[in-house]
Amino acid sequence: MFMLKLAMRWLMGVLLILIGIRHFTHPGFFVKLMPPYLPWHLALVYLSGVAEILLGAMLLVPRIRPYAAWGIIALLIAVFPANVHMAMHPELYPNLSPTLLYLRLPFQGVLIAWAWWFTR
């Protein structure tokens, strides 16, 4: 079980780092996903990218892993309203399948549970 948890922690950490980097290499993609009611789209894309990179890296450091996990949970909760907005307005995202937009909602719970596993 220890090796599985270690592998899953590394997987989550590396994925967060890679997705965070994409916020800087492909910011336009993420800006298009931002709901119109939020201000400063590009700044928020960069801020969330920094958060993902930092939290992903922190997750790989055993001493601060629980703090990183709680930070990841907070980040996932913070972006959930934007995911709901996307699912409720699929016409704004014609390049994304409406089914995919709805499937992201329960998947957010899976990601939160995955991060919660590392709080202990």
PDB file of N, CA and C in Angstrom:
ATOM      1  N   MET A   1       0.823  -1.200   0.000  1.00  0.00           N
ATOM      2  CA  MET A   1       0.000   0.000   0.000  1.00  0.00           C
ATOM      3  C   MET A   1       0.869   1.266   0.000  1.00  0.00           C
ATOM      4  N   PHE A   2       1.994   1.209   0.706  1.00  0.00           N
ATOM      5  CA  PHE A   2       2.892   2.357   0.757  1.00  0.00           C
ATOM      6  C   PHE A   2       3.372   2.729  -0.637  1.00  0.00           C
ATOM      7  N   MET A   3       3.754   1.744  -1.426  1.00  0.00           N
ATOM      8  CA  MET A   3       4.275   2.023  -2.769  1.00  0.00           C
ATOM      9  C   MET A   3       3.180   2.597  -3.683  1.00  0.00           C
ATOM     10  N   LEU A   4       1.950   2.087  -3.532  1.00  0.00           N
ATOM     11  CA  LEU A   4       0.840   2.619  -4.322  1.00  0.00           C
ATOM     12  C   LEU A   4       0.609   4.092  -3.974  1.00  0.00           C
ATOM     13  N   LYS A   5       0.583   4.394  -2.693  1.00  0.00           N
ATOM     14  CA  LYS A   5       0.344   5.774  -2.273  1.00  0.00           C
ATOM     15  C   LYS A   5       1.482   6.681  -2.738  1.00  0.00           C
ATOM     16  N   LEU A   6       2.703   6.200  -2.652  1.00  0.00           N
ATOM     17  CA  LEU A   6       3.858   6.968  -3.111  1.00  0.00           C
ATOM     18  C   LEU A   6       3.749   7.251  -4.610  1.00  0.00           C
ATOM     19  N   ALA A   7       3.415   6.221  -5.378  1.00  0.00           N
ATOM     20  CA  ALA A   7       3.284   6.376  -6.829  1.00  0.00           C
ATOM     21  C   ALA A   7       2.146   7.347  -7.173  1.00  0.00           C
ATOM     22  N   MET A   8       1.035   7.238  -6.469  1.00  0.00           N
ATOM     23  CA  MET A   8      -0.107   8.115  -6.730  1.00  0.00           C
ATOM     24  C   MET A   8       0.209   9.559  -6.334  1.00  0.00           C
ATOM     25  N   ARG A   9       0.993   9.731  -5.282  1.00  0.00           N
ATOM     26  CA  ARG A   9       1.391  11.081  -4.858  1.00  0.00           C
ATOM     27  C   ARG A   9       2.294  11.704  -5.920  1.00  0.00           C
ATOM     28  N   TRP A  10       3.258  10.926  -6.422  1.00  0.00           N
ATOM     29  CA  TRP A  10       4.135  11.429  -7.473  1.00  0.00           C
ATOM     30  C   TRP A  10       3.353  11.727  -8.744  1.00  0.00           C
ATOM     31  N   LEU A  11       2.400  10.861  -9.067  1.00  0.00           N
ATOM     32  CA  LEU A  11       1.589  11.087 -10.261  1.00  0.00           C
ATOM     33  C   LEU A  11       0.827  12.399 -10.140  1.00  0.00           C
ATOM     34  N   MET A  12       0.165  12.609  -9.018  1.00  0.00           N
ATOM     35  CA  MET A  12      -0.593  13.843  -8.831  1.00  0.00           C
ATOM     36  C   MET A  12       0.342  15.056  -8.846  1.00  0.00           C
ATOM     37  N   GLY A  13       1.461  14.961  -8.153  1.00  0.00           N
ATOM     38  CA  GLY A  13       2.392  16.081  -8.103  1.00  0.00           C
ATOM     39  C   GLY A  13       2.918  16.456  -9.478  1.00  0.00           C
ATOM     40  N   VAL A  14       3.346  15.466 -10.232  1.00  0.00           N
ATOM     41  CA  VAL A  14       3.892  15.722 -11.572  1.00  0.00           C
ATOM     42  C   VAL A  14       2.804  16.250 -12.502  1.00  0.00           C
ATOM     43  N   LEU A  15       1.601  15.681 -12.431  1.00  0.00           N
ATOM     44  CA  LEU A  15       0.510  16.172 -13.277  1.00  0.00           C
ATOM     45  C   LEU A  15       0.188  17.634 -12.973  1.00  0.00           C
ATOM     46  N   LEU A  16       0.144  17.986 -11.692  1.00  0.00           N
ATOM     47  CA  LEU A  16      -0.124  19.378 -11.328  1.00  0.00           C
ATOM     48  C   LEU A  16       0.967  20.302 -11.861  1.00  0.00           C
ATOM     49  N   ILE A  17       2.203  19.882 -11.731  1.00  0.00           N
ATOM     50  CA  ILE A  17       3.313  20.699 -12.237  1.00  0.00           C
ATOM     51  C   ILE A  17       3.193  20.878 -13.756  1.00  0.00           C
ATOM     52  N   LEU A  18       2.920  19.796 -14.465  1.00  0.00           N
ATOM     53  CA  LEU A  18       2.811  19.881 -15.929  1.00  0.00           C
ATOM     54  C   LEU A  18       1.624  20.750 -16.357  1.00  0.00           C
ATOM     55  N   ILE A  19       0.492  20.588 -15.689  1.00  0.00           N
ATOM     56  CA  ILE A  19      -0.679  21.410 -16.028  1.00  0.00           C
ATOM     57  C   ILE A  19      -0.399  22.870 -15.683  1.00  0.00           C
ATOM     58  N   GLY A  20       0.269  23.100 -14.544  1.00  0.00           N
ATOM     59  CA  GLY A  20       0.634  24.469 -14.176  1.00  0.00           C
ATOM     60  C   GLY A  20       1.538  25.116 -15.214  1.00  0.00           C
ATOM     61  N   ILE A  21       2.488  24.362 -15.728  1.00  0.00           N
ATOM     62  CA  ILE A  21       3.386  24.877 -16.773  1.00  0.00           C
ATOM     63  C   ILE A  21       2.587  25.237 -18.020  1.00  0.00           C
ATOM     64  N   ARG A  22       1.590  24.427 -18.351  1.00  0.00           N
ATOM     65  CA  ARG A  22       0.760  24.703 -19.537  1.00  0.00           C
ATOM     66  C   ARG A  22       0.021  26.040 -19.410  1.00  0.00           C
ATOM     67  N   HIS A  23      -0.239  26.485 -18.176  1.00  0.00           N
ATOM     68  CA  HIS A  23      -0.871  27.794 -17.988  1.00  0.00           C
ATOM     69  C   HIS A  23       0.014  28.911 -18.548  1.00  0.00           C
ATOM     70  N   PHE A  24       1.323  28.667 -18.597  1.00  0.00           N
ATOM     71  CA  PHE A  24       2.266  29.665 -19.111  1.00  0.00           C
ATOM     72  C   PHE A  24       2.611  29.445 -20.569  1.00  0.00           C
ATOM     73  N   THR A  25       2.605  28.186 -21.018  1.00  0.00           N
ATOM     74  CA  THR A  25       2.947  27.910 -22.410  1.00  0.00           C
ATOM     75  C   THR A  25       1.746  28.039 -23.343  1.00  0.00           C
ATOM     76  N   HIS A  26       0.534  27.860 -22.807  1.00  0.00           N
ATOM     77  CA  HIS A  26      -0.702  27.960 -23.599  1.00  0.00           C
ATOM     78  C   HIS A  26      -1.760  28.757 -22.834  1.00  0.00           C
ATOM     79  N   PRO A  27      -1.462  29.982 -22.445  1.00  0.00           N
ATOM     80  CA  PRO A  27      -2.422  30.730 -21.613  1.00  0.00           C
ATOM     81  C   PRO A  27      -3.750  30.996 -22.317  1.00  0.00           C
ATOM     82  N   GLY A  28      -3.725  31.145 -23.628  1.00  0.00           N
ATOM     83  CA  GLY A  28      -4.959  31.416 -24.365  1.00  0.00           C
ATOM     84  C   GLY A  28      -6.007  30.335 -24.169  1.00  0.00           C
ATOM     85  N   PHE A  29      -5.576  29.082 -24.122  1.00  0.00           N
ATOM     86  CA  PHE A  29      -6.512  27.977 -23.904  1.00  0.00           C
ATOM     87  C   PHE A  29      -7.239  28.160 -22.573  1.00  0.00           C
ATOM     88  N   PHE A  30      -6.495  28.502 -21.530  1.00  0.00           N
ATOM     89  CA  PHE A  30      -7.085  28.631 -20.201  1.00  0.00           C
ATOM     90  C   PHE A  30      -7.913  29.908 -20.074  1.00  0.00           C
ATOM     91  N   VAL A  31      -7.499  30.966 -20.750  1.00  0.00           N
ATOM     92  CA  VAL A  31      -8.280  32.207 -20.724  1.00  0.00           C
ATOM     93  C   VAL A  31      -9.668  31.964 -21.304  1.00  0.00           C
ATOM     94  N   LYS A  32      -9.744  31.174 -22.380  1.00  0.00           N
ATOM     95  CA  LYS A  32     -11.035  30.872 -23.004  1.00  0.00           C
ATOM     96  C   LYS A  32     -11.968  30.106 -22.065  1.00  0.00           C
ATOM     97  N   LEU A  33     -11.404  29.408 -21.088  1.00  0.00           N
ATOM     98  CA  LEU A  33     -12.215  28.621 -20.164  1.00  0.00           C
ATOM     99  C   LEU A  33     -12.761  29.466 -19.010  1.00  0.00           C
ATOM    100  N   MET A  34     -12.260  30.669 -18.862  1.00  0.00           N
ATOM    101  CA  MET A  34     -12.644  31.509 -17.733  1.00  0.00           C
ATOM    102  C   MET A  34     -14.074  32.018 -17.903  1.00  0.00           C
ATOM    103  N   PRO A  35     -14.866  31.920 -16.839  1.00  0.00           N
ATOM    104  CA  PRO A  35     -16.231  32.466 -16.934  1.00  0.00           C
ATOM    105  C   PRO A  35     -16.195  33.993 -17.007  1.00  0.00           C
ATOM    106  N   PRO A  36     -17.165  34.576 -17.697  1.00  0.00           N
ATOM    107  CA  PRO A  36     -17.142  36.026 -17.914  1.00  0.00           C
ATOM    108  C   PRO A  36     -17.305  36.841 -16.623  1.00  0.00           C
ATOM    109  N   TYR A  37     -17.846  36.252 -15.581  1.00  0.00           N
ATOM    110  CA  TYR A  37     -18.062  37.019 -14.350  1.00  0.00           C
ATOM    111  C   TYR A  37     -16.784  37.210 -13.534  1.00  0.00           C
ATOM    112  N   LEU A  38     -15.699  36.540 -13.921  1.00  0.00           N
ATOM    113  CA  LEU A  38     -14.427  36.728 -13.219  1.00  0.00           C
ATOM    114  C   LEU A  38     -13.611  37.823 -13.910  1.00  0.00           C
ATOM    115  N   PRO A  39     -12.950  38.675 -13.123  1.00  0.00           N
ATOM    116  CA  PRO A  39     -12.094  39.703 -13.724  1.00  0.00           C
ATOM    117  C   PRO A  39     -10.697  39.157 -13.989  1.00  0.00           C
ATOM    118  N   TRP A  40      -9.897  39.899 -14.706  1.00  0.00           N
ATOM    119  CA  TRP A  40      -8.466  39.646 -14.871  1.00  0.00           C
ATOM    120  C   TRP A  40      -8.161  38.206 -15.294  1.00  0.00           C
ATOM    121  N   HIS A  41      -8.757  37.786 -16.376  1.00  0.00           N
ATOM    122  CA  HIS A  41      -8.618  36.395 -16.824  1.00  0.00           C
ATOM    123  C   HIS A  41      -7.166  35.936 -16.933  1.00  0.00           C
ATOM    124  N   LEU A  42      -6.347  36.698 -17.623  1.00  0.00           N
ATOM    125  CA  LEU A  42      -4.966  36.264 -17.821  1.00  0.00           C
ATOM    126  C   LEU A  42      -4.214  36.199 -16.489  1.00  0.00           C
ATOM    127  N   ALA A  43      -4.411  37.177 -15.644  1.00  0.00           N
ATOM    128  CA  ALA A  43      -3.750  37.165 -14.338  1.00  0.00           C
ATOM    129  C   ALA A  43      -4.182  35.949 -13.517  1.00  0.00           C
ATOM    130  N   LEU A  44      -5.465  35.609 -13.566  1.00  0.00           N
ATOM    131  CA  LEU A  44      -5.949  34.435 -12.827  1.00  0.00           C
ATOM    132  C   LEU A  44      -5.404  33.138 -13.413  1.00  0.00           C
ATOM    133  N   VAL A  45      -5.235  33.097 -14.727  1.00  0.00           N
ATOM    134  CA  VAL A  45      -4.633  31.916 -15.350  1.00  0.00           C
ATOM    135  C   VAL A  45      -3.202  31.742 -14.849  1.00  0.00           C
ATOM    136  N   TYR A  46      -2.451  32.826 -14.838  1.00  0.00           N
ATOM    137  CA  TYR A  46      -1.068  32.746 -14.348  1.00  0.00           C
ATOM    138  C   TYR A  46      -1.028  32.412 -12.859  1.00  0.00           C
ATOM    139  N   LEU A  47      -1.904  33.015 -12.083  1.00  0.00           N
ATOM    140  CA  LEU A  47      -1.936  32.747 -10.641  1.00  0.00           C
ATOM    141  C   LEU A  47      -2.259  31.280 -10.365  1.00  0.00           C
ATOM    142  N   SER A  48      -3.243  30.742 -11.065  1.00  0.00           N
ATOM    143  CA  SER A  48      -3.588  29.329 -10.857  1.00  0.00           C
ATOM    144  C   SER A  48      -2.471  28.423 -11.352  1.00  0.00           C
ATOM    145  N   GLY A  49      -1.759  28.837 -12.403  1.00  0.00           N
ATOM    146  CA  GLY A  49      -0.615  28.059 -12.872  1.00  0.00           C
ATOM    147  C   GLY A  49       0.488  28.007 -11.825  1.00  0.00           C
ATOM    148  N   VAL A  50       0.783  29.145 -11.222  1.00  0.00           N
ATOM    149  CA  VAL A  50       1.785  29.184 -10.155  1.00  0.00           C
ATOM    150  C   VAL A  50       1.339  28.293  -8.999  1.00  0.00           C
ATOM    151  N   ALA A  51       0.063  28.390  -8.617  1.00  0.00           N
ATOM    152  CA  ALA A  51      -0.453  27.579  -7.512  1.00  0.00           C
ATOM    153  C   ALA A  51      -0.313  26.088  -7.816  1.00  0.00           C
ATOM    154  N   GLU A  52      -0.643  25.690  -9.032  1.00  0.00           N
ATOM    155  CA  GLU A  52      -0.542  24.282  -9.395  1.00  0.00           C
ATOM    156  C   GLU A  52       0.902  23.794  -9.367  1.00  0.00           C
ATOM    157  N   ILE A  53       1.807  24.601  -9.881  1.00  0.00           N
ATOM    158  CA  ILE A  53       3.228  24.213  -9.873  1.00  0.00           C
ATOM    159  C   ILE A  53       3.738  24.097  -8.443  1.00  0.00           C
ATOM    160  N   LEU A  54       3.462  25.101  -7.633  1.00  0.00           N
ATOM    161  CA  LEU A  54       3.944  25.081  -6.243  1.00  0.00           C
ATOM    162  C   LEU A  54       3.332  23.933  -5.446  1.00  0.00           C
ATOM    163  N   LEU A  55       2.021  23.767  -5.552  1.00  0.00           N
ATOM    164  CA  LEU A  55       1.366  22.704  -4.788  1.00  0.00           C
ATOM    165  C   LEU A  55       1.808  21.324  -5.266  1.00  0.00           C
ATOM    166  N   GLY A  56       1.982  21.169  -6.569  1.00  0.00           N
ATOM    167  CA  GLY A  56       2.475  19.893  -7.092  1.00  0.00           C
ATOM    168  C   GLY A  56       3.860  19.574  -6.567  1.00  0.00           C
ATOM    169  N   ALA A  57       4.738  20.569  -6.548  1.00  0.00           N
ATOM    170  CA  ALA A  57       6.097  20.363  -6.027  1.00  0.00           C
ATOM    171  C   ALA A  57       6.068  20.109  -4.521  1.00  0.00           C
ATOM    172  N   MET A  58       5.245  20.862  -3.809  1.00  0.00           N
ATOM    173  CA  MET A  58       5.149  20.681  -2.354  1.00  0.00           C
ATOM    174  C   MET A  58       4.640  19.282  -1.991  1.00  0.00           C
ATOM    175  N   LEU A  59       3.765  18.732  -2.828  1.00  0.00           N
ATOM    176  CA  LEU A  59       3.221  17.406  -2.570  1.00  0.00           C
ATOM    177  C   LEU A  59       4.313  16.342  -2.564  1.00  0.00           C
ATOM    178  N   LEU A  60       5.419  16.616  -3.223  1.00  0.00           N
ATOM    179  CA  LEU A  60       6.509  15.656  -3.323  1.00  0.00           C
ATOM    180  C   LEU A  60       7.481  15.739  -2.148  1.00  0.00           C
ATOM    181  N   VAL A  61       7.275  16.715  -1.261  1.00  0.00           N
ATOM    182  CA  VAL A  61       8.139  16.902  -0.092  1.00  0.00           C
ATOM    183  C   VAL A  61       7.390  16.372   1.129  1.00  0.00           C
ATOM    184  N   PRO A  62       7.832  15.233   1.693  1.00  0.00           N
ATOM    185  CA  PRO A  62       7.067  14.586   2.761  1.00  0.00           C
ATOM    186  C   PRO A  62       6.687  15.496   3.934  1.00  0.00           C
ATOM    187  N   ARG A  63       7.586  16.357   4.356  1.00  0.00           N
ATOM    188  CA  ARG A  63       7.323  17.171   5.534  1.00  0.00           C
ATOM    189  C   ARG A  63       6.178  18.167   5.338  1.00  0.00           C
ATOM    190  N   ILE A  64       5.998  18.638   4.120  1.00  0.00           N
ATOM    191  CA  ILE A  64       4.941  19.618   3.855  1.00  0.00           C
ATOM    192  C   ILE A  64       3.794  19.045   3.017  1.00  0.00           C
ATOM    193  N   ARG A  65       3.843  17.756   2.767  1.00  0.00           N
ATOM    194  CA  ARG A  65       2.816  17.087   1.956  1.00  0.00           C
ATOM    195  C   ARG A  65       1.394  17.368   2.438  1.00  0.00           C
ATOM    196  N   PRO A  66       1.089  17.264   3.745  1.00  0.00           N
ATOM    197  CA  PRO A  66      -0.301  17.516   4.165  1.00  0.00           C
ATOM    198  C   PRO A  66      -0.769  18.934   3.835  1.00  0.00           C
ATOM    199  N   TYR A  67       0.116  19.915   3.982  1.00  0.00           N
ATOM    200  CA  TYR A  67      -0.259  21.294   3.657  1.00  0.00           C
ATOM    201  C   TYR A  67      -0.530  21.439   2.160  1.00  0.00           C
ATOM    202  N   ALA A  68       0.299  20.798   1.364  1.00  0.00           N
ATOM    203  CA  ALA A  68       0.096  20.823  -0.083  1.00  0.00           C
ATOM    204  C   ALA A  68      -1.234  20.182  -0.451  1.00  0.00           C
ATOM    205  N   ALA A  69      -1.536  19.055   0.186  1.00  0.00           N
ATOM    206  CA  ALA A  69      -2.789  18.357  -0.115  1.00  0.00           C
ATOM    207  C   ALA A  69      -3.989  19.234   0.216  1.00  0.00           C
ATOM    208  N   TRP A  70      -3.960  19.902   1.358  1.00  0.00           N
ATOM    209  CA  TRP A  70      -5.065  20.809   1.713  1.00  0.00           C
ATOM    210  C   TRP A  70      -5.120  21.982   0.741  1.00  0.00           C
ATOM    211  N   GLY A  71      -3.986  22.457   0.291  1.00  0.00           N
ATOM    212  CA  GLY A  71      -3.961  23.528  -0.706  1.00  0.00           C
ATOM    213  C   GLY A  71      -4.557  23.085  -2.023  1.00  0.00           C
ATOM    214  N   ILE A  72      -4.274  21.856  -2.421  1.00  0.00           N
ATOM    215  CA  ILE A  72      -4.842  21.307  -3.661  1.00  0.00           C
ATOM    216  C   ILE A  72      -6.353  21.199  -3.528  1.00  0.00           C
ATOM    217  N   ILE A  73      -6.816  20.730  -2.385  1.00  0.00           N
ATOM    218  CA  ILE A  73      -8.260  20.641  -2.151  1.00  0.00           C
ATOM    219  C   ILE A  73      -8.896  22.031  -2.253  1.00  0.00           C
ATOM    220  N   ALA A  74      -8.268  23.019  -1.629  1.00  0.00           N
ATOM    221  CA  ALA A  74      -8.796  24.390  -1.692  1.00  0.00           C
ATOM    222  C   ALA A  74      -8.825  24.899  -3.134  1.00  0.00           C
ATOM    223  N   LEU A  75      -7.778  24.618  -3.886  1.00  0.00           N
ATOM    224  CA  LEU A  75      -7.724  25.045  -5.288  1.00  0.00           C
ATOM    225  C   LEU A  75      -8.833  24.376  -6.105  1.00  0.00           C
ATOM    226  N   LEU A  76      -9.029  23.085  -5.887  1.00  0.00           N
ATOM    227  CA  LEU A  76     -10.077  22.366  -6.623  1.00  0.00           C
ATOM    228  C   LEU A  76     -11.471  22.904  -6.275  1.00  0.00           C
ATOM    229  N   ILE A  77     -11.678  23.251  -5.025  1.00  0.00           N
ATOM    230  CA  ILE A  77     -12.959  23.839  -4.624  1.00  0.00           C
ATOM    231  C   ILE A  77     -13.113  25.232  -5.239  1.00  0.00           C
ATOM    232  N   ALA A  78     -12.027  25.984  -5.274  1.00  0.00           N
ATOM    233  CA  ALA A  78     -12.078  27.342  -5.820  1.00  0.00           C
ATOM    234  C   ALA A  78     -12.429  27.356  -7.308  1.00  0.00           C
ATOM    235  N   VAL A  79     -11.968  26.368  -8.068  1.00  0.00           N
ATOM    236  CA  VAL A  79     -12.247  26.367  -9.509  1.00  0.00           C
ATOM    237  C   VAL A  79     -13.557  25.653  -9.849  1.00  0.00           C
ATOM    238  N   PHE A  80     -14.179  25.007  -8.868  1.00  0.00           N
ATOM    239  CA  PHE A  80     -15.408  24.265  -9.145  1.00  0.00           C
ATOM    240  C   PHE A  80     -16.525  25.150  -9.717  1.00  0.00           C
ATOM    241  N   PRO A  81     -16.762  26.364  -9.189  1.00  0.00           N
ATOM    242  CA  PRO A  81     -17.816  27.199  -9.799  1.00  0.00           C
ATOM    243  C   PRO A  81     -17.573  27.489 -11.275  1.00  0.00           C
ATOM    244  N   ALA A  82     -16.328  27.625 -11.672  1.00  0.00           N
ATOM    245  CA  ALA A  82     -16.035  27.840 -13.093  1.00  0.00           C
ATOM    246  C   ALA A  82     -16.390  26.593 -13.897  1.00  0.00           C
ATOM    247  N   ASN A  83     -16.144  25.406 -13.325  1.00  0.00           N
ATOM    248  CA  ASN A  83     -16.514  24.168 -14.018  1.00  0.00           C
ATOM    249  C   ASN A  83     -18.036  24.065 -14.147  1.00  0.00           C
ATOM    250  N   VAL A  84     -18.767  24.477 -13.123  1.00  0.00           N
ATOM    251  CA  VAL A  84     -20.239  24.481 -13.190  1.00  0.00           C
ATOM    252  C   VAL A  84     -20.692  25.446 -14.277  1.00  0.00           C
ATOM    253  N   HIS A  85     -20.086  26.617 -14.314  1.00  0.00           N
ATOM    254  CA  HIS A  85     -20.434  27.608 -15.343  1.00  0.00           C
ATOM    255  C   HIS A  85     -20.228  27.019 -16.739  1.00  0.00           C
ATOM    256  N   MET A  86     -19.120  26.330 -16.930  1.00  0.00           N
ATOM    257  CA  MET A  86     -18.836  25.739 -18.234  1.00  0.00           C
ATOM    258  C   MET A  86     -19.885  24.699 -18.605  1.00  0.00           C
ATOM    259  N   ALA A  87     -20.266  23.871 -17.632  1.00  0.00           N
ATOM    260  CA  ALA A  87     -21.272  22.836 -17.906  1.00  0.00           C
ATOM    261  C   ALA A  87     -22.636  23.456 -18.207  1.00  0.00           C
ATOM    262  N   MET A  88     -22.944  24.573 -17.553  1.00  0.00           N
ATOM    263  CA  MET A  88     -24.245  25.219 -17.746  1.00  0.00           C
ATOM    264  C   MET A  88     -24.306  26.038 -19.046  1.00  0.00           C
ATOM    265  N   HIS A  89     -23.132  26.364 -19.603  1.00  0.00           N
ATOM    266  CA  HIS A  89     -23.083  27.185 -20.814  1.00  0.00           C
ATOM    267  C   HIS A  89     -22.161  26.552 -21.865  1.00  0.00           C
ATOM    268  N   PRO A  90     -22.493  25.348 -22.319  1.00  0.00           N
ATOM    269  CA  PRO A  90     -21.604  24.665 -23.284  1.00  0.00           C
ATOM    270  C   PRO A  90     -21.476  25.414 -24.607  1.00  0.00           C
ATOM    271  N   GLU A  91     -22.440  26.270 -24.912  1.00  0.00           N
ATOM    272  CA  GLU A  91     -22.355  27.027 -26.167  1.00  0.00           C
ATOM    273  C   GLU A  91     -21.160  27.987 -26.184  1.00  0.00           C
ATOM    274  N   LEU A  92     -20.667  28.332 -25.001  1.00  0.00           N
ATOM    275  CA  LEU A  92     -19.499  29.214 -24.919  1.00  0.00           C
ATOM    276  C   LEU A  92     -18.191  28.462 -25.186  1.00  0.00           C
ATOM    277  N   TYR A  93     -18.265  27.135 -25.190  1.00  0.00           N
ATOM    278  CA  TYR A  93     -17.074  26.294 -25.334  1.00  0.00           C
ATOM    279  C   TYR A  93     -17.305  25.274 -26.440  1.00  0.00           C
ATOM    280  N   PRO A  94     -17.477  25.738 -27.691  1.00  0.00           N
ATOM    281  CA  PRO A  94     -17.852  24.835 -28.782  1.00  0.00           C
ATOM    282  C   PRO A  94     -16.812  23.759 -29.087  1.00  0.00           C
ATOM    283  N   ASN A  95     -15.574  23.956 -28.678  1.00  0.00           N
ATOM    284  CA  ASN A  95     -14.538  22.955 -28.945  1.00  0.00           C
ATOM    285  C   ASN A  95     -14.517  21.844 -27.898  1.00  0.00           C
ATOM    286  N   LEU A  96     -15.351  21.958 -26.874  1.00  0.00           N
ATOM    287  CA  LEU A  96     -15.408  20.944 -25.818  1.00  0.00           C
ATOM    288  C   LEU A  96     -16.772  20.274 -25.823  1.00  0.00           C
ATOM    289  N   SER A  97     -16.777  18.984 -25.657  1.00  0.00           N
ATOM    290  CA  SER A  97     -18.020  18.219 -25.632  1.00  0.00           C
ATOM    291  C   SER A  97     -18.841  18.577 -24.389  1.00  0.00           C
ATOM    292  N   PRO A  98     -20.141  18.842 -24.550  1.00  0.00           N
ATOM    293  CA  PRO A  98     -20.985  19.092 -23.379  1.00  0.00           C
ATOM    294  C   PRO A  98     -20.949  17.930 -22.380  1.00  0.00           C
ATOM    295  N   THR A  99     -20.851  16.713 -22.886  1.00  0.00           N
ATOM    296  CA  THR A  99     -20.751  15.549 -21.999  1.00  0.00           C
ATOM    297  C   THR A  99     -19.489  15.642 -21.152  1.00  0.00           C
ATOM    298  N   LEU A 100     -18.388  15.999 -21.776  1.00  0.00           N
ATOM    299  CA  LEU A 100     -17.134  16.156 -21.052  1.00  0.00           C
ATOM    300  C   LEU A 100     -17.251  17.241 -19.987  1.00  0.00           C
ATOM    301  N   LEU A 101     -17.923  18.332 -20.326  1.00  0.00           N
ATOM    302  CA  LEU A 101     -18.089  19.421 -19.359  1.00  0.00           C
ATOM    303  C   LEU A 101     -18.867  18.950 -18.125  1.00  0.00           C
ATOM    304  N   TYR A 102     -19.868  18.108 -18.327  1.00  0.00           N
ATOM    305  CA  TYR A 102     -20.623  17.578 -17.184  1.00  0.00           C
ATOM    306  C   TYR A 102     -19.844  16.512 -16.429  1.00  0.00           C
ATOM    307  N   LEU A 103     -19.072  15.708 -17.134  1.00  0.00           N
ATOM    308  CA  LEU A 103     -18.279  14.666 -16.467  1.00  0.00           C
ATOM    309  C   LEU A 103     -17.181  15.260 -15.587  1.00  0.00           C
ATOM    310  N   ARG A 104     -16.750  16.463 -15.912  1.00  0.00           N
ATOM    311  CA  ARG A 104     -15.724  17.122 -15.093  1.00  0.00           C
ATOM    312  C   ARG A 104     -16.238  17.399 -13.682  1.00  0.00           C
ATOM    313  N   LEU A 105     -17.541  17.591 -13.526  1.00  0.00           N
ATOM    314  CA  LEU A 105     -18.078  17.958 -12.211  1.00  0.00           C
ATOM    315  C   LEU A 105     -17.873  16.850 -11.180  1.00  0.00           C
ATOM    316  N   PRO A 106     -18.333  15.619 -11.417  1.00  0.00           N
ATOM    317  CA  PRO A 106     -18.058  14.578 -10.421  1.00  0.00           C
ATOM    318  C   PRO A 106     -16.582  14.203 -10.351  1.00  0.00           C
ATOM    319  N   PHE A 107     -15.861  14.378 -11.459  1.00  0.00           N
ATOM    320  CA  PHE A 107     -14.430  14.073 -11.448  1.00  0.00           C
ATOM    321  C   PHE A 107     -13.686  14.988 -10.477  1.00  0.00           C
ATOM    322  N   GLN A 108     -14.210  16.194 -10.292  1.00  0.00           N
ATOM    323  CA  GLN A 108     -13.614  17.111  -9.325  1.00  0.00           C
ATOM    324  C   GLN A 108     -13.643  16.485  -7.925  1.00  0.00           C
ATOM    325  N   GLY A 109     -14.722  15.773  -7.609  1.00  0.00           N
ATOM    326  CA  GLY A 109     -14.810  15.069  -6.327  1.00  0.00           C
ATOM    327  C   GLY A 109     -13.765  13.972  -6.223  1.00  0.00           C
ATOM    328  N   VAL A 110     -13.515  13.281  -7.310  1.00  0.00           N
ATOM    329  CA  VAL A 110     -12.481  12.237  -7.331  1.00  0.00           C
ATOM    330  C   VAL A 110     -11.113  12.858  -7.065  1.00  0.00           C
ATOM    331  N   LEU A 111     -10.846  13.988  -7.698  1.00  0.00           N
ATOM    332  CA  LEU A 111      -9.566  14.664  -7.482  1.00  0.00           C
ATOM    333  C   LEU A 111      -9.424  15.150  -6.034  1.00  0.00           C
ATOM    334  N   ILE A 112     -10.511  15.651  -5.468  1.00  0.00           N
ATOM    335  CA  ILE A 112     -10.479  16.092  -4.072  1.00  0.00           C
ATOM    336  C   ILE A 112     -10.208  14.906  -3.155  1.00  0.00           C
ATOM    337  N   ALA A 113     -10.859  13.783  -3.400  1.00  0.00           N
ATOM    338  CA  ALA A 113     -10.624  12.580  -2.582  1.00  0.00           C
ATOM    339  C   ALA A 113      -9.185  12.101  -2.737  1.00  0.00           C
ATOM    340  N   TRP A 114      -8.670  12.173  -3.937  1.00  0.00           N
ATOM    341  CA  TRP A 114      -7.284  11.773  -4.196  1.00  0.00           C
ATOM    342  C   TRP A 114      -6.331  12.654  -3.389  1.00  0.00           C
ATOM    343  N   ALA A 115      -6.534  13.958  -3.420  1.00  0.00           N
ATOM    344  CA  ALA A 115      -5.682  14.869  -2.651  1.00  0.00           C
ATOM    345  C   ALA A 115      -5.860  14.648  -1.149  1.00  0.00           C
ATOM    346  N   TRP A 116      -7.084  14.401  -0.727  1.00  0.00           N
ATOM    347  CA  TRP A 116      -7.359  14.195   0.705  1.00  0.00           C
ATOM    348  C   TRP A 116      -6.574  13.000   1.236  1.00  0.00           C
ATOM    349  N   TRP A 117      -6.363  12.001   0.417  1.00  0.00           N
ATOM    350  CA  TRP A 117      -5.591  10.800   0.782  1.00  0.00           C
ATOM    351  C   TRP A 117      -4.201  11.189   1.294  1.00  0.00           C
ATOM    352  N   PHE A 118      -3.679  12.293   0.802  1.00  0.00           N
ATOM    353  CA  PHE A 118      -2.324  12.718   1.168  1.00  0.00           C
ATOM    354  C   PHE A 118      -2.299  13.683   2.350  1.00  0.00           C
ATOM    355  N   THR A 119      -3.452  13.969   2.936  1.00  0.00           N
ATOM    356  CA  THR A 119      -3.481  14.838   4.107  1.00  0.00           C
ATOM    357  C   THR A 119      -3.066  14.093   5.370  1.00  0.00           C
ATOM    358  N   ARG A 120      -3.026  12.789   5.294  1.00  0.00           N
ATOM    359  CA  ARG A 120      -2.730  11.967   6.477  1.00  0.00           C
ATOM    360  C   ARG A 120      -1.287  11.539   6.498  1.00  0.00           C
TER     361      ARG A 120
END
